[in-house]
Amino acid sequence: MFTGLISAIGEVLHVTPLAESNDMRLVIGAPTPFLAGAEIGASIACSGCCLTAVELETDRFAVQVSSESLSLTIIGGWRVGSRINLERSLRLGDELGGHLVSGHVDGLGTLVEANAEHESWRLTFEVPAPLHRFIAAKGSVAVDGVSLTVNSVSAPTSGSNHHVFGVNIIPHTHAHTTLGTLTPGDRVNIEIDMLARYVARLTETA
């Protein structure tokens, strides 16, 4: 479990396809304090994807990513030099400053607009219709692993099957996560609010 509060930005150092499979091995560099106390098998959220550290050094860790994750998240597009949001897993007793995030990506979104708005930035994302019903104004959503409050939701534009939602990010989030470097057309990992997922499931099976 995670909170969606990013504690470091990492960089992809090596990308190695694994022979005889569609899986991939990644080596990700991280600021030295980030991995302090981590052990092999630790869960680390990488831009919202919960991955298992299979090798550890003081300033980097390696993960193996399955073909399923590569096909359903933005990881398949990572290259050497790609910058990613990092968060260590939540421990009992830690402050829950964001919202409960599982690290299980529900789908992909696309940045439509990024506009300065007073002292913050308004980001507008487009998501497929199946995800949109889980996103509510003033609810929570994780975008590339960042816990955000939804400011607005709207129906699809003419000729589109996609819906959009808007969020505002403050200067700290803009500077200390990868959201500040996104440009229109960039794809992002979306994780819907955990409560919304289970409420929807209960209503479907009631």
C-alpha atoms as a PDB file:
ATOM      1  CA  MET A   1       0.000   0.000   0.000  1.00  0.00           C
ATOM      2  CA  PHE A   2       1.058   3.573  -0.716  1.00  0.00           C
ATOM      3  CA  THR A   3      -0.173   7.117  -0.061  1.00  0.00           C
ATOM      4  CA  GLY A   4       0.457   8.788  -3.416  1.00  0.00           C
ATOM      5  CA  LEU A   5       2.952  11.204  -1.833  1.00  0.00           C
ATOM      6  CA  ILE A   6       6.081  11.082  -3.975  1.00  0.00           C
ATOM      7  CA  SER A   7       9.338  11.054  -2.026  1.00  0.00           C
ATOM      8  CA  ALA A   8      11.864  10.959  -4.880  1.00  0.00           C
ATOM      9  CA  ILE A   9      12.262  11.090  -8.639  1.00  0.00           C
ATOM     10  CA  GLY A  10      14.196   8.211 -10.155  1.00  0.00           C
ATOM     11  CA  GLU A  11      15.778   7.670 -13.549  1.00  0.00           C
ATOM     12  CA  VAL A  12      15.795   4.563 -15.710  1.00  0.00           C
ATOM     13  CA  LEU A  13      19.447   3.478 -16.084  1.00  0.00           C
ATOM     14  CA  HIS A  14      19.107   0.179 -17.970  1.00  0.00           C
ATOM     15  CA  VAL A  15      16.347  -1.559 -19.929  1.00  0.00           C
ATOM     16  CA  THR A  16      16.882  -5.240 -20.706  1.00  0.00           C
ATOM     17  CA  PRO A  17      14.313  -7.445 -22.486  1.00  0.00           C
ATOM     18  CA  LEU A  18      14.373 -10.931 -20.972  1.00  0.00           C
ATOM     19  CA  ALA A  19      15.141 -13.766 -23.357  1.00  0.00           C
ATOM     20  CA  GLU A  20      12.348 -16.210 -24.222  1.00  0.00           C
ATOM     21  CA  SER A  21       9.681 -14.003 -22.653  1.00  0.00           C
ATOM     22  CA  ASN A  22       7.992 -10.661 -23.127  1.00  0.00           C
ATOM     23  CA  ASP A  23       9.098  -9.492 -19.682  1.00  0.00           C
ATOM     24  CA  MET A  24      11.642  -6.759 -19.041  1.00  0.00           C
ATOM     25  CA  ARG A  25      14.277  -5.986 -16.439  1.00  0.00           C
ATOM     26  CA  LEU A  26      14.769  -2.367 -15.431  1.00  0.00           C
ATOM     27  CA  VAL A  27      17.473  -0.757 -13.324  1.00  0.00           C
ATOM     28  CA  ILE A  28      16.283   2.477 -11.758  1.00  0.00           C
ATOM     29  CA  GLY A  29      18.545   5.049 -10.153  1.00  0.00           C
ATOM     30  CA  ALA A  30      17.348   6.792  -7.000  1.00  0.00           C
ATOM     31  CA  PRO A  31      18.696   9.420  -4.586  1.00  0.00           C
ATOM     32  CA  THR A  32      20.819   7.666  -1.966  1.00  0.00           C
ATOM     33  CA  PRO A  33      18.548   8.267   1.072  1.00  0.00           C
ATOM     34  CA  PHE A  34      15.509   6.859  -0.737  1.00  0.00           C
ATOM     35  CA  LEU A  35      16.607   3.216  -0.508  1.00  0.00           C
ATOM     36  CA  ALA A  36      17.959   3.358   3.065  1.00  0.00           C
ATOM     37  CA  GLY A  37      16.693   0.329   4.968  1.00  0.00           C
ATOM     38  CA  ALA A  38      15.104  -1.318   1.921  1.00  0.00           C
ATOM     39  CA  GLU A  39      15.534  -5.064   1.435  1.00  0.00           C
ATOM     40  CA  ILE A  40      15.267  -7.419  -1.508  1.00  0.00           C
ATOM     41  CA  GLY A  41      11.575  -8.023  -2.158  1.00  0.00           C
ATOM     42  CA  ALA A  42      10.528  -4.521  -1.119  1.00  0.00           C
ATOM     43  CA  SER A  43       7.555  -3.016  -2.922  1.00  0.00           C
ATOM     44  CA  ILE A  44       8.311   0.296  -4.608  1.00  0.00           C
ATOM     45  CA  ALA A  45       5.764   2.376  -6.494  1.00  0.00           C
ATOM     46  CA  CYS A  46       7.263   3.488  -9.805  1.00  0.00           C
ATOM     47  CA  SER A  47       5.037   6.186 -11.314  1.00  0.00           C
ATOM     48  CA  GLY A  48       2.107   4.447  -9.686  1.00  0.00           C
ATOM     49  CA  CYS A  49       3.054   0.834 -10.520  1.00  0.00           C
ATOM     50  CA  CYS A  50       3.849  -1.405  -7.560  1.00  0.00           C
ATOM     51  CA  LEU A  51       7.064  -3.244  -8.471  1.00  0.00           C
ATOM     52  CA  THR A  52       9.261  -5.644  -6.491  1.00  0.00           C
ATOM     53  CA  ALA A  53      12.931  -4.842  -5.983  1.00  0.00           C
ATOM     54  CA  VAL A  54      14.917  -7.919  -7.054  1.00  0.00           C
ATOM     55  CA  GLU A  55      18.329  -6.286  -6.631  1.00  0.00           C
ATOM     56  CA  LEU A  56      19.384  -3.365  -4.434  1.00  0.00           C
ATOM     57  CA  GLU A  57      22.336  -1.010  -4.174  1.00  0.00           C
ATOM     58  CA  THR A  58      22.575   2.254  -2.282  1.00  0.00           C
ATOM     59  CA  ASP A  59      21.620   4.361  -5.291  1.00  0.00           C
ATOM     60  CA  ARG A  60      19.705   2.001  -7.580  1.00  0.00           C
ATOM     61  CA  PHE A  61      17.405  -0.992  -7.673  1.00  0.00           C
ATOM     62  CA  ALA A  62      16.340  -3.543 -10.260  1.00  0.00           C
ATOM     63  CA  VAL A  63      12.833  -4.779 -11.019  1.00  0.00           C
ATOM     64  CA  GLN A  64      11.358  -7.353 -13.369  1.00  0.00           C
ATOM     65  CA  VAL A  65       8.214  -6.245 -15.187  1.00  0.00           C
ATOM     66  CA  SER A  66       5.751  -8.734 -16.668  1.00  0.00           C
ATOM     67  CA  SER A  67       4.325  -8.472 -20.166  1.00  0.00           C
ATOM     68  CA  GLU A  68       0.924  -7.770 -18.571  1.00  0.00           C
ATOM     69  CA  SER A  69       2.256  -4.664 -16.829  1.00  0.00           C
ATOM     70  CA  LEU A  70       4.154  -3.569 -19.921  1.00  0.00           C
ATOM     71  CA  SER A  71       1.013  -3.707 -22.045  1.00  0.00           C
ATOM     72  CA  LEU A  72      -1.340  -1.989 -19.592  1.00  0.00           C
ATOM     73  CA  THR A  73       0.849   0.794 -18.159  1.00  0.00           C
ATOM     74  CA  ILE A  74       3.283   3.416 -19.413  1.00  0.00           C
ATOM     75  CA  ILE A  75       6.249   1.251 -18.366  1.00  0.00           C
ATOM     76  CA  GLY A  76       6.463  -0.244 -21.855  1.00  0.00           C
ATOM     77  CA  GLY A  77       7.437   3.195 -23.139  1.00  0.00           C
ATOM     78  CA  TRP A  78      10.218   3.835 -20.636  1.00  0.00           C
ATOM     79  CA  ARG A  79      13.695   4.256 -22.039  1.00  0.00           C
ATOM     80  CA  VAL A  80      17.117   4.965 -20.549  1.00  0.00           C
ATOM     81  CA  GLY A  81      16.827   8.451 -19.068  1.00  0.00           C
ATOM     82  CA  SER A  82      13.074   8.307 -18.397  1.00  0.00           C
ATOM     83  CA  ARG A  83      12.255  10.037 -15.101  1.00  0.00           C
ATOM     84  CA  ILE A  84       9.740   8.363 -12.791  1.00  0.00           C
ATOM     85  CA  ASN A  85       7.978   9.099  -9.512  1.00  0.00           C
ATOM     86  CA  LEU A  86       9.088   6.910  -6.602  1.00  0.00           C
ATOM     87  CA  GLU A  87       7.423   6.017  -3.307  1.00  0.00           C
ATOM     88  CA  ARG A  88       8.325   3.391  -0.715  1.00  0.00           C
ATOM     89  CA  SER A  89       5.503   1.266   0.665  1.00  0.00           C
ATOM     90  CA  LEU A  90       3.406   2.487   3.585  1.00  0.00           C
ATOM     91  CA  ARG A  91       4.197   1.141   7.064  1.00  0.00           C
ATOM     92  CA  LEU A  92       1.710   0.862   9.897  1.00  0.00           C
ATOM     93  CA  GLY A  93       1.954   4.025  11.928  1.00  0.00           C
ATOM     94  CA  ASP A  94       3.089   6.207   9.010  1.00  0.00           C
ATOM     95  CA  GLU A  95       1.204   9.428   8.377  1.00  0.00           C
ATOM     96  CA  LEU A  96      -1.427   8.960   5.676  1.00  0.00           C
ATOM     97  CA  GLY A  97      -1.119  12.319   3.956  1.00  0.00           C
ATOM     98  CA  GLY A  98      -2.543  11.412   0.561  1.00  0.00           C
ATOM     99  CA  HIS A  99      -5.043   8.596   0.072  1.00  0.00           C
ATOM    100  CA  LEU A 100      -4.751   4.814   0.070  1.00  0.00           C
ATOM    101  CA  VAL A 101      -3.108   3.771  -3.193  1.00  0.00           C
ATOM    102  CA  SER A 102      -2.575   0.119  -4.109  1.00  0.00           C
ATOM    103  CA  GLY A 103      -0.085   0.557  -6.939  1.00  0.00           C
ATOM    104  CA  HIS A 104      -2.376  -1.392  -9.277  1.00  0.00           C
ATOM    105  CA  VAL A 105      -2.923   0.701 -12.396  1.00  0.00           C
ATOM    106  CA  ASP A 106      -6.496   0.662 -13.704  1.00  0.00           C
ATOM    107  CA  GLY A 107      -5.812   2.189 -17.102  1.00  0.00           C
ATOM    108  CA  LEU A 108      -4.106   4.894 -19.080  1.00  0.00           C
ATOM    109  CA  GLY A 109      -5.000   8.550 -19.405  1.00  0.00           C
ATOM    110  CA  THR A 110      -3.718  11.271 -21.722  1.00  0.00           C
ATOM    111  CA  LEU A 111      -2.852  14.841 -20.816  1.00  0.00           C
ATOM    112  CA  VAL A 112      -5.059  17.168 -22.846  1.00  0.00           C
ATOM    113  CA  GLU A 113      -4.077  20.565 -21.449  1.00  0.00           C
ATOM    114  CA  ALA A 114      -1.670  22.058 -18.918  1.00  0.00           C
ATOM    115  CA  ASN A 115      -2.336  25.691 -18.028  1.00  0.00           C
ATOM    116  CA  ALA A 116      -0.975  28.019 -15.353  1.00  0.00           C
ATOM    117  CA  GLU A 117      -3.769  29.100 -13.029  1.00  0.00           C
ATOM    118  CA  HIS A 118      -2.890  31.676 -10.372  1.00  0.00           C
ATOM    119  CA  GLU A 119      -0.151  30.022  -8.262  1.00  0.00           C
ATOM    120  CA  SER A 120      -0.898  26.484  -9.479  1.00  0.00           C
ATOM    121  CA  TRP A 121      -1.332  24.545 -12.709  1.00  0.00           C
ATOM    122  CA  ARG A 122      -4.564  23.087 -14.048  1.00  0.00           C
ATOM    123  CA  LEU A 123      -4.038  19.707 -15.737  1.00  0.00           C
ATOM    124  CA  THR A 124      -6.801  18.147 -17.796  1.00  0.00           C
ATOM    125  CA  PHE A 125      -6.691  14.430 -18.562  1.00  0.00           C
ATOM    126  CA  GLU A 126      -8.719  12.288 -20.918  1.00  0.00           C
ATOM    127  CA  VAL A 127      -9.639   8.753 -19.793  1.00  0.00           C
ATOM    128  CA  PRO A 128     -11.650   5.905 -21.348  1.00  0.00           C
ATOM    129  CA  ALA A 129     -15.326   5.733 -20.421  1.00  0.00           C
ATOM    130  CA  PRO A 130     -14.961   2.603 -18.219  1.00  0.00           C
ATOM    131  CA  LEU A 131     -12.669   4.545 -15.865  1.00  0.00           C
ATOM    132  CA  HIS A 132     -14.546   7.823 -15.905  1.00  0.00           C
ATOM    133  CA  ARG A 133     -17.482   6.551 -13.864  1.00  0.00           C
ATOM    134  CA  PHE A 134     -15.112   5.994 -10.930  1.00  0.00           C
ATOM    135  CA  ILE A 135     -13.802   9.571 -10.979  1.00  0.00           C
ATOM    136  CA  ALA A 136     -15.837  12.147  -9.056  1.00  0.00           C
ATOM    137  CA  ALA A 137     -15.372  15.829  -8.311  1.00  0.00           C
ATOM    138  CA  LYS A 138     -13.642  16.263  -4.925  1.00  0.00           C
ATOM    139  CA  GLY A 139     -12.751  12.568  -4.975  1.00  0.00           C
ATOM    140  CA  SER A 140      -9.233  11.132  -5.141  1.00  0.00           C
ATOM    141  CA  VAL A 141      -7.283   9.795  -8.096  1.00  0.00           C
ATOM    142  CA  ALA A 142      -3.648   8.744  -8.555  1.00  0.00           C
ATOM    143  CA  VAL A 143      -1.911  10.017 -11.705  1.00  0.00           C
ATOM    144  CA  ASP A 144       1.509   8.455 -12.272  1.00  0.00           C
ATOM    145  CA  GLY A 145       1.402   7.563  -8.592  1.00  0.00           C
ATOM    146  CA  VAL A 146       0.626  11.098  -7.385  1.00  0.00           C
ATOM    147  CA  SER A 147      -2.373  11.474  -5.068  1.00  0.00           C
ATOM    148  CA  LEU A 148      -4.593  14.245  -6.428  1.00  0.00           C
ATOM    149  CA  THR A 149      -8.004  15.726  -5.711  1.00  0.00           C
ATOM    150  CA  VAL A 150     -10.347  15.833  -8.699  1.00  0.00           C
ATOM    151  CA  ASN A 151     -11.579  19.370  -9.358  1.00  0.00           C
ATOM    152  CA  SER A 152     -13.920  18.725 -12.255  1.00  0.00           C
ATOM    153  CA  VAL A 153     -15.312  16.019 -14.517  1.00  0.00           C
ATOM    154  CA  SER A 154     -17.034  16.390 -17.872  1.00  0.00           C
ATOM    155  CA  ALA A 155     -18.734  14.352 -20.580  1.00  0.00           C
ATOM    156  CA  PRO A 156     -16.968  13.482 -23.849  1.00  0.00           C
ATOM    157  CA  THR A 157     -16.694  16.036 -26.606  1.00  0.00           C
ATOM    158  CA  SER A 158     -18.442  15.522 -29.914  1.00  0.00           C
ATOM    159  CA  GLY A 159     -17.075  12.536 -31.803  1.00  0.00           C
ATOM    160  CA  SER A 160     -15.099  11.231 -28.828  1.00  0.00           C
ATOM    161  CA  ASN A 161     -15.689   8.215 -26.591  1.00  0.00           C
ATOM    162  CA  HIS A 162     -13.414   9.596 -23.902  1.00  0.00           C
ATOM    163  CA  HIS A 163     -14.185  11.668 -20.843  1.00  0.00           C
ATOM    164  CA  VAL A 164     -12.024  14.270 -19.126  1.00  0.00           C
ATOM    165  CA  PHE A 165     -11.267  15.350 -15.587  1.00  0.00           C
ATOM    166  CA  GLY A 166      -9.254  18.249 -14.215  1.00  0.00           C
ATOM    167  CA  VAL A 167      -6.881  18.610 -11.281  1.00  0.00           C
ATOM    168  CA  ASN A 168      -4.777  21.447  -9.902  1.00  0.00           C
ATOM    169  CA  ILE A 169      -1.208  20.929  -8.777  1.00  0.00           C
ATOM    170  CA  ILE A 170       0.617  23.312  -6.477  1.00  0.00           C
ATOM    171  CA  PRO A 171       4.207  24.504  -7.114  1.00  0.00           C
ATOM    172  CA  HIS A 172       5.661  21.841  -4.793  1.00  0.00           C
ATOM    173  CA  THR A 173       3.988  19.021  -6.753  1.00  0.00           C
ATOM    174  CA  HIS A 174       4.951  20.670 -10.047  1.00  0.00           C
ATOM    175  CA  ALA A 175       8.615  20.796  -8.985  1.00  0.00           C
ATOM    176  CA  HIS A 176       8.971  17.505  -7.099  1.00  0.00           C
ATOM    177  CA  THR A 177       7.107  15.055  -9.342  1.00  0.00           C
ATOM    178  CA  THR A 178       7.157  14.306 -13.052  1.00  0.00           C
ATOM    179  CA  LEU A 179       3.744  15.934 -13.499  1.00  0.00           C
ATOM    180  CA  GLY A 180       5.467  19.269 -14.004  1.00  0.00           C
ATOM    181  CA  THR A 181       7.233  17.961 -17.134  1.00  0.00           C
ATOM    182  CA  LEU A 182       4.176  16.500 -18.859  1.00  0.00           C
ATOM    183  CA  THR A 183       3.133  17.932 -22.215  1.00  0.00           C
ATOM    184  CA  PRO A 184      -0.190  17.468 -24.039  1.00  0.00           C
ATOM    185  CA  GLY A 185      -0.390  14.010 -25.567  1.00  0.00           C
ATOM    186  CA  ASP A 186       1.704  12.341 -22.864  1.00  0.00           C
ATOM    187  CA  ARG A 187       0.161   9.186 -21.433  1.00  0.00           C
ATOM    188  CA  VAL A 188      -0.097   8.586 -17.690  1.00  0.00           C
ATOM    189  CA  ASN A 189      -0.971   5.756 -15.330  1.00  0.00           C
ATOM    190  CA  ILE A 190      -4.364   6.144 -13.689  1.00  0.00           C
ATOM    191  CA  GLU A 191      -5.451   4.441 -10.473  1.00  0.00           C
ATOM    192  CA  ILE A 192      -9.001   5.110  -9.374  1.00  0.00           C
ATOM    193  CA  ASP A 193      -9.972   5.545  -5.748  1.00  0.00           C
ATOM    194  CA  MET A 194     -10.050   2.198  -3.974  1.00  0.00           C
ATOM    195  CA  LEU A 195     -13.375   2.930  -2.286  1.00  0.00           C
ATOM    196  CA  ALA A 196     -15.021   3.750  -5.632  1.00  0.00           C
ATOM    197  CA  ARG A 197     -13.837   0.434  -7.074  1.00  0.00           C
ATOM    198  CA  TYR A 198     -15.380  -1.662  -4.327  1.00  0.00           C
ATOM    199  CA  VAL A 199     -18.612   0.324  -4.106  1.00  0.00           C
ATOM    200  CA  ALA A 200     -19.101  -0.191  -7.842  1.00  0.00           C
ATOM    201  CA  ARG A 201     -18.427  -3.916  -7.505  1.00  0.00           C
ATOM    202  CA  LEU A 202     -20.914  -4.245  -4.661  1.00  0.00           C
ATOM    203  CA  THR A 203     -23.648  -2.502  -6.645  1.00  0.00           C
ATOM    204  CA  GLU A 204     -22.982  -4.751  -9.637  1.00  0.00           C
ATOM    205  CA  THR A 205     -23.326  -7.952  -7.613  1.00  0.00           C
ATOM    206  CA  ALA A 206     -26.071  -6.898  -5.199  1.00  0.00           C
END
